[in-house]
Amino acid sequence: MNHPSSAATATVLLLLALLDVAAGGGEDGQKRAAGVYIVIVQPPADGADTVAYHTCILAAALGSEGRAKEALLYSYRAVASGFAAKLTPPELAALQKHPAVLQVRPDQMYHVVDNLN
C-alpha cells in the first residue's frame, strides 16, 4: 500500500489552511468578517442593570462574559431595550436563537444630503 510522504501531506495541509484563511475561515477570517449589529431584546425587569442584562444575553450566545464584554459596543435603554455589538457570522447565528432577542439588524450609517444650495 502506498502512503503519501510526510512532505506531501504537509504541503496539502498548508494549502488547505491557506485556502481557509483566504476564504475568510479560521479565527482571523472570522474577525475580518465581523460586523456591527443592532439587537433589540425584551426589556429587563424593573430596576435591573441594563448593561448587565445585555451582557448576560450576549454571554449566553457567545459562550463567555469576557467575549460578551468585548463584543458589546453600546446599550440602548431609553426608547427600546437593545444593544450594538460586533459579531462574527457564527456569533450572530447563536445570538439570534436567544429567546430574549426580538430583532437583529445590521448597523447602517446614513448620510445627510444637502440639496438646498
N, C-alpha and C. Protein backbone atom coordinates (compact mmCIF):
# COMPACT_ATOMS: atom_id res chain seq x y z
N MET A 1 0.84 -1.17 0.00
CA MET A 1 0.00 0.00 0.00
C MET A 1 0.89 1.23 0.00
N ASN A 2 0.59 2.19 -0.86
CA ASN A 2 1.35 3.43 -0.93
C ASN A 2 0.80 4.44 0.06
N HIS A 3 1.70 5.07 0.79
CA HIS A 3 1.32 6.13 1.71
C HIS A 3 1.94 7.42 1.22
N PRO A 4 1.21 8.52 1.28
CA PRO A 4 1.80 9.78 0.85
C PRO A 4 2.96 10.14 1.77
N SER A 5 3.94 10.80 1.20
CA SER A 5 5.09 11.21 2.00
C SER A 5 4.66 12.29 2.98
N SER A 6 5.42 12.42 4.05
CA SER A 6 5.08 13.44 5.04
C SER A 6 5.22 14.84 4.45
N ALA A 7 6.14 15.03 3.51
CA ALA A 7 6.29 16.34 2.86
C ALA A 7 5.05 16.66 2.02
N ALA A 8 4.54 15.66 1.31
CA ALA A 8 3.34 15.88 0.50
C ALA A 8 2.14 16.16 1.40
N THR A 9 2.03 15.44 2.49
CA THR A 9 0.93 15.66 3.43
C THR A 9 1.01 17.06 4.03
N ALA A 10 2.20 17.47 4.41
CA ALA A 10 2.39 18.80 4.98
C ALA A 10 2.03 19.88 3.96
N THR A 11 2.39 19.66 2.71
CA THR A 11 2.08 20.63 1.66
C THR A 11 0.58 20.76 1.47
N VAL A 12 -0.12 19.63 1.46
CA VAL A 12 -1.57 19.66 1.29
C VAL A 12 -2.23 20.36 2.48
N LEU A 13 -1.78 20.06 3.69
CA LEU A 13 -2.36 20.70 4.87
C LEU A 13 -2.11 22.21 4.87
N LEU A 14 -0.92 22.61 4.45
CA LEU A 14 -0.60 24.04 4.36
C LEU A 14 -1.49 24.71 3.33
N LEU A 15 -1.67 24.08 2.19
CA LEU A 15 -2.51 24.63 1.13
C LEU A 15 -3.95 24.78 1.62
N LEU A 16 -4.47 23.77 2.31
CA LEU A 16 -5.83 23.84 2.83
C LEU A 16 -5.97 24.96 3.86
N ALA A 17 -4.97 25.13 4.70
CA ALA A 17 -5.01 26.20 5.70
C ALA A 17 -5.00 27.57 5.02
N LEU A 18 -4.18 27.72 3.99
CA LEU A 18 -4.13 28.99 3.27
C LEU A 18 -5.45 29.28 2.56
N LEU A 19 -6.05 28.26 1.98
CA LEU A 19 -7.34 28.45 1.32
C LEU A 19 -8.42 28.82 2.33
N ASP A 20 -8.37 28.24 3.52
CA ASP A 20 -9.35 28.55 4.56
C ASP A 20 -9.23 30.01 4.99
N VAL A 21 -8.01 30.49 5.17
CA VAL A 21 -7.80 31.88 5.57
C VAL A 21 -8.23 32.82 4.44
N ALA A 22 -7.89 32.48 3.20
CA ALA A 22 -8.26 33.32 2.07
C ALA A 22 -9.77 33.39 1.90
N ALA A 23 -10.46 32.31 2.26
CA ALA A 23 -11.92 32.28 2.13
C ALA A 23 -12.61 32.92 3.32
N GLY A 24 -11.83 33.40 4.29
CA GLY A 24 -12.44 34.04 5.45
C GLY A 24 -12.68 33.10 6.60
N GLY A 25 -12.18 31.89 6.53
CA GLY A 25 -12.36 30.93 7.62
C GLY A 25 -11.32 31.14 8.69
N GLY A 26 -11.40 30.35 9.71
CA GLY A 26 -10.44 30.46 10.80
C GLY A 26 -10.74 31.66 11.67
N GLU A 27 -10.08 31.75 12.80
CA GLU A 27 -10.36 32.81 13.76
C GLU A 27 -10.08 34.19 13.17
N ASP A 28 -8.94 34.35 12.50
CA ASP A 28 -8.63 35.66 11.93
C ASP A 28 -9.63 36.03 10.84
N GLY A 29 -10.04 35.06 10.03
CA GLY A 29 -11.02 35.32 8.99
C GLY A 29 -12.36 35.72 9.58
N GLN A 30 -12.73 35.10 10.71
CA GLN A 30 -13.99 35.44 11.34
C GLN A 30 -13.94 36.86 11.89
N LYS A 31 -12.80 37.28 12.42
CA LYS A 31 -12.69 38.64 12.93
C LYS A 31 -12.86 39.63 11.79
N ARG A 32 -12.28 39.32 10.62
CA ARG A 32 -12.43 40.22 9.47
C ARG A 32 -13.87 40.27 9.00
N ALA A 33 -14.59 39.17 9.14
CA ALA A 33 -15.96 39.10 8.66
C ALA A 33 -16.95 39.64 9.69
N ALA A 34 -16.47 40.06 10.85
CA ALA A 34 -17.37 40.56 11.88
C ALA A 34 -18.02 41.85 11.43
N GLY A 35 -19.25 42.02 11.85
CA GLY A 35 -19.98 43.24 11.54
C GLY A 35 -20.65 43.77 12.80
N VAL A 36 -21.11 45.00 12.72
CA VAL A 36 -21.81 45.61 13.85
C VAL A 36 -23.31 45.45 13.61
N TYR A 37 -23.99 45.00 14.65
CA TYR A 37 -25.43 44.75 14.57
C TYR A 37 -26.14 45.47 15.71
N ILE A 38 -27.35 45.92 15.42
CA ILE A 38 -28.23 46.48 16.43
C ILE A 38 -29.20 45.37 16.83
N VAL A 39 -29.22 45.06 18.11
CA VAL A 39 -30.01 43.94 18.63
C VAL A 39 -31.08 44.49 19.56
N ILE A 40 -32.34 44.23 19.24
CA ILE A 40 -33.45 44.64 20.09
C ILE A 40 -33.88 43.42 20.90
N VAL A 41 -33.97 43.61 22.21
CA VAL A 41 -34.30 42.50 23.10
C VAL A 41 -35.49 42.87 23.98
N GLN A 42 -36.06 41.86 24.61
CA GLN A 42 -37.12 42.11 25.58
C GLN A 42 -36.53 42.97 26.70
N PRO A 43 -37.31 43.89 27.23
CA PRO A 43 -36.77 44.76 28.29
C PRO A 43 -36.44 43.97 29.56
N PRO A 44 -35.44 44.45 30.29
CA PRO A 44 -35.11 43.78 31.56
C PRO A 44 -36.19 44.06 32.61
N ALA A 45 -36.13 43.32 33.69
CA ALA A 45 -37.05 43.56 34.80
C ALA A 45 -36.82 44.97 35.35
N ASP A 46 -37.86 45.54 35.92
CA ASP A 46 -37.74 46.88 36.51
C ASP A 46 -36.60 46.93 37.51
N GLY A 47 -35.78 47.95 37.39
CA GLY A 47 -34.67 48.13 38.31
C GLY A 47 -33.42 47.34 37.97
N ALA A 48 -33.48 46.50 36.96
CA ALA A 48 -32.31 45.70 36.59
C ALA A 48 -31.28 46.57 35.89
N ASP A 49 -30.03 46.22 36.04
CA ASP A 49 -28.93 46.92 35.37
C ASP A 49 -28.98 46.55 33.88
N THR A 50 -29.24 47.54 33.04
CA THR A 50 -29.42 47.29 31.61
C THR A 50 -28.17 46.72 30.96
N VAL A 51 -27.01 47.28 31.25
CA VAL A 51 -25.77 46.80 30.64
C VAL A 51 -25.49 45.36 31.07
N ALA A 52 -25.71 45.06 32.34
CA ALA A 52 -25.50 43.69 32.82
C ALA A 52 -26.47 42.72 32.14
N TYR A 53 -27.71 43.16 31.94
CA TYR A 53 -28.71 42.34 31.27
C TYR A 53 -28.29 42.05 29.82
N HIS A 54 -27.86 43.08 29.12
CA HIS A 54 -27.42 42.90 27.73
C HIS A 54 -26.17 42.02 27.66
N THR A 55 -25.25 42.22 28.59
CA THR A 55 -24.04 41.40 28.63
C THR A 55 -24.39 39.94 28.89
N CYS A 56 -25.37 39.70 29.74
CA CYS A 56 -25.80 38.34 30.05
C CYS A 56 -26.37 37.64 28.81
N ILE A 57 -27.17 38.36 28.04
CA ILE A 57 -27.73 37.80 26.80
C ILE A 57 -26.60 37.46 25.83
N LEU A 58 -25.67 38.39 25.67
CA LEU A 58 -24.53 38.14 24.77
C LEU A 58 -23.68 36.97 25.26
N ALA A 59 -23.43 36.92 26.57
CA ALA A 59 -22.60 35.84 27.12
C ALA A 59 -23.24 34.48 26.89
N ALA A 60 -24.55 34.40 27.01
CA ALA A 60 -25.24 33.13 26.77
C ALA A 60 -25.05 32.67 25.32
N ALA A 61 -25.04 33.61 24.40
CA ALA A 61 -24.88 33.27 22.98
C ALA A 61 -23.43 33.06 22.58
N LEU A 62 -22.52 33.83 23.18
CA LEU A 62 -21.12 33.80 22.75
C LEU A 62 -20.25 32.87 23.58
N GLY A 63 -20.76 32.41 24.71
CA GLY A 63 -20.03 31.42 25.48
C GLY A 63 -19.22 31.93 26.65
N SER A 64 -19.05 33.24 26.77
CA SER A 64 -18.30 33.75 27.92
C SER A 64 -18.64 35.22 28.16
N GLU A 65 -18.53 35.61 29.41
CA GLU A 65 -18.77 37.01 29.75
C GLU A 65 -17.68 37.91 29.16
N GLY A 66 -16.46 37.40 29.14
CA GLY A 66 -15.35 38.17 28.57
C GLY A 66 -15.58 38.49 27.10
N ARG A 67 -15.99 37.49 26.34
CA ARG A 67 -16.25 37.71 24.91
C ARG A 67 -17.44 38.66 24.74
N ALA A 68 -18.44 38.53 25.61
CA ALA A 68 -19.61 39.41 25.54
C ALA A 68 -19.21 40.86 25.78
N LYS A 69 -18.35 41.09 26.76
CA LYS A 69 -17.91 42.46 27.05
C LYS A 69 -17.09 43.03 25.90
N GLU A 70 -16.33 42.18 25.21
CA GLU A 70 -15.57 42.65 24.04
C GLU A 70 -16.51 43.03 22.90
N ALA A 71 -17.56 42.26 22.72
CA ALA A 71 -18.47 42.45 21.60
C ALA A 71 -19.43 43.62 21.81
N LEU A 72 -19.81 43.88 23.05
CA LEU A 72 -20.80 44.91 23.35
C LEU A 72 -20.22 46.30 23.10
N LEU A 73 -20.86 47.05 22.21
CA LEU A 73 -20.38 48.39 21.88
C LEU A 73 -21.20 49.48 22.57
N TYR A 74 -22.51 49.26 22.71
CA TYR A 74 -23.38 50.28 23.30
C TYR A 74 -24.67 49.62 23.75
N SER A 75 -25.21 50.08 24.86
CA SER A 75 -26.51 49.61 25.35
C SER A 75 -27.54 50.71 25.19
N TYR A 76 -28.68 50.35 24.62
CA TYR A 76 -29.79 51.29 24.46
C TYR A 76 -30.82 51.00 25.54
N ARG A 77 -31.36 52.04 26.15
CA ARG A 77 -32.34 51.80 27.20
C ARG A 77 -33.47 52.82 27.23
N ALA A 78 -33.35 53.94 26.54
CA ALA A 78 -34.37 54.99 26.65
C ALA A 78 -35.64 54.66 25.86
N VAL A 79 -35.52 54.42 24.59
CA VAL A 79 -36.70 54.18 23.75
C VAL A 79 -36.96 52.69 23.58
N ALA A 80 -35.90 51.93 23.45
CA ALA A 80 -36.03 50.48 23.28
C ALA A 80 -34.91 49.81 24.07
N SER A 81 -35.13 48.57 24.41
CA SER A 81 -34.08 47.81 25.08
C SER A 81 -33.29 47.08 24.01
N GLY A 82 -32.02 47.38 23.95
CA GLY A 82 -31.19 46.72 22.95
C GLY A 82 -29.75 47.15 23.08
N PHE A 83 -28.96 46.68 22.14
CA PHE A 83 -27.54 47.00 22.18
C PHE A 83 -26.94 46.88 20.80
N ALA A 84 -25.77 47.49 20.65
CA ALA A 84 -24.97 47.34 19.45
C ALA A 84 -23.81 46.42 19.81
N ALA A 85 -23.52 45.48 18.92
CA ALA A 85 -22.44 44.53 19.19
C ALA A 85 -21.72 44.18 17.90
N LYS A 86 -20.42 43.94 18.03
CA LYS A 86 -19.62 43.49 16.90
C LYS A 86 -19.57 41.97 16.95
N LEU A 87 -20.13 41.33 15.91
CA LEU A 87 -20.30 39.88 15.92
C LEU A 87 -19.83 39.25 14.62
N THR A 88 -19.29 38.05 14.73
CA THR A 88 -18.96 37.25 13.56
C THR A 88 -20.24 36.55 13.10
N PRO A 89 -20.28 36.03 11.89
CA PRO A 89 -21.48 35.31 11.44
C PRO A 89 -21.91 34.16 12.36
N PRO A 90 -20.99 33.32 12.87
CA PRO A 90 -21.44 32.27 13.79
C PRO A 90 -21.99 32.84 15.11
N GLU A 91 -21.39 33.92 15.60
CA GLU A 91 -21.89 34.55 16.82
C GLU A 91 -23.28 35.14 16.59
N LEU A 92 -23.47 35.75 15.44
CA LEU A 92 -24.77 36.32 15.09
C LEU A 92 -25.83 35.23 15.07
N ALA A 93 -25.51 34.11 14.45
CA ALA A 93 -26.47 33.00 14.37
C ALA A 93 -26.83 32.49 15.75
N ALA A 94 -25.85 32.38 16.64
CA ALA A 94 -26.12 31.92 18.00
C ALA A 94 -26.98 32.93 18.76
N LEU A 95 -26.69 34.21 18.59
CA LEU A 95 -27.44 35.25 19.29
C LEU A 95 -28.90 35.29 18.84
N GLN A 96 -29.13 35.10 17.56
CA GLN A 96 -30.50 35.14 17.03
C GLN A 96 -31.39 34.04 17.62
N LYS A 97 -30.79 33.00 18.16
CA LYS A 97 -31.55 31.90 18.76
C LYS A 97 -31.93 32.18 20.21
N HIS A 98 -31.37 33.22 20.81
CA HIS A 98 -31.65 33.52 22.22
C HIS A 98 -33.11 33.96 22.35
N PRO A 99 -33.84 33.43 23.34
CA PRO A 99 -35.26 33.75 23.46
C PRO A 99 -35.58 35.21 23.76
N ALA A 100 -34.66 35.96 24.32
CA ALA A 100 -34.92 37.38 24.62
C ALA A 100 -34.70 38.28 23.41
N VAL A 101 -34.08 37.76 22.37
CA VAL A 101 -33.78 38.58 21.18
C VAL A 101 -35.03 38.69 20.31
N LEU A 102 -35.44 39.92 20.07
CA LEU A 102 -36.63 40.18 19.26
C LEU A 102 -36.29 40.48 17.80
N GLN A 103 -35.20 41.22 17.59
CA GLN A 103 -34.84 41.62 16.24
C GLN A 103 -33.35 41.94 16.17
N VAL A 104 -32.74 41.61 15.05
CA VAL A 104 -31.33 41.93 14.82
C VAL A 104 -31.22 42.55 13.43
N ARG A 105 -30.56 43.68 13.37
CA ARG A 105 -30.37 44.38 12.09
C ARG A 105 -28.91 44.80 11.97
N PRO A 106 -28.36 44.75 10.76
CA PRO A 106 -27.01 45.30 10.58
C PRO A 106 -27.03 46.80 10.84
N ASP A 107 -25.99 47.29 11.48
CA ASP A 107 -25.87 48.73 11.71
C ASP A 107 -25.62 49.40 10.37
N GLN A 108 -26.28 50.50 10.14
CA GLN A 108 -26.11 51.23 8.88
C GLN A 108 -25.85 52.69 9.19
N MET A 109 -25.00 53.29 8.40
CA MET A 109 -24.73 54.71 8.55
C MET A 109 -25.49 55.45 7.45
N TYR A 110 -26.20 56.47 7.85
CA TYR A 110 -26.94 57.30 6.90
C TYR A 110 -26.24 58.64 6.79
N HIS A 111 -26.25 59.19 5.59
CA HIS A 111 -25.61 60.48 5.34
C HIS A 111 -26.67 61.50 4.95
N VAL A 112 -26.56 62.67 5.51
CA VAL A 112 -27.47 63.75 5.18
C VAL A 112 -27.02 64.37 3.87
N VAL A 113 -27.97 64.54 2.98
CA VAL A 113 -27.67 65.17 1.70
C VAL A 113 -28.29 66.55 1.71
N ASP A 114 -27.47 67.55 1.48
CA ASP A 114 -27.94 68.93 1.48
C ASP A 114 -28.09 69.38 0.03
N ASN A 115 -29.32 69.37 -0.45
CA ASN A 115 -29.60 69.80 -1.82
C ASN A 115 -30.15 71.22 -1.88
N LEU A 116 -30.06 71.94 -0.78
CA LEU A 116 -30.62 73.28 -0.74
C LEU A 116 -29.71 74.33 -1.37
N ASN A 117 -28.47 74.04 -1.53
CA ASN A 117 -27.53 75.03 -2.10
C ASN A 117 -27.36 74.84 -3.58
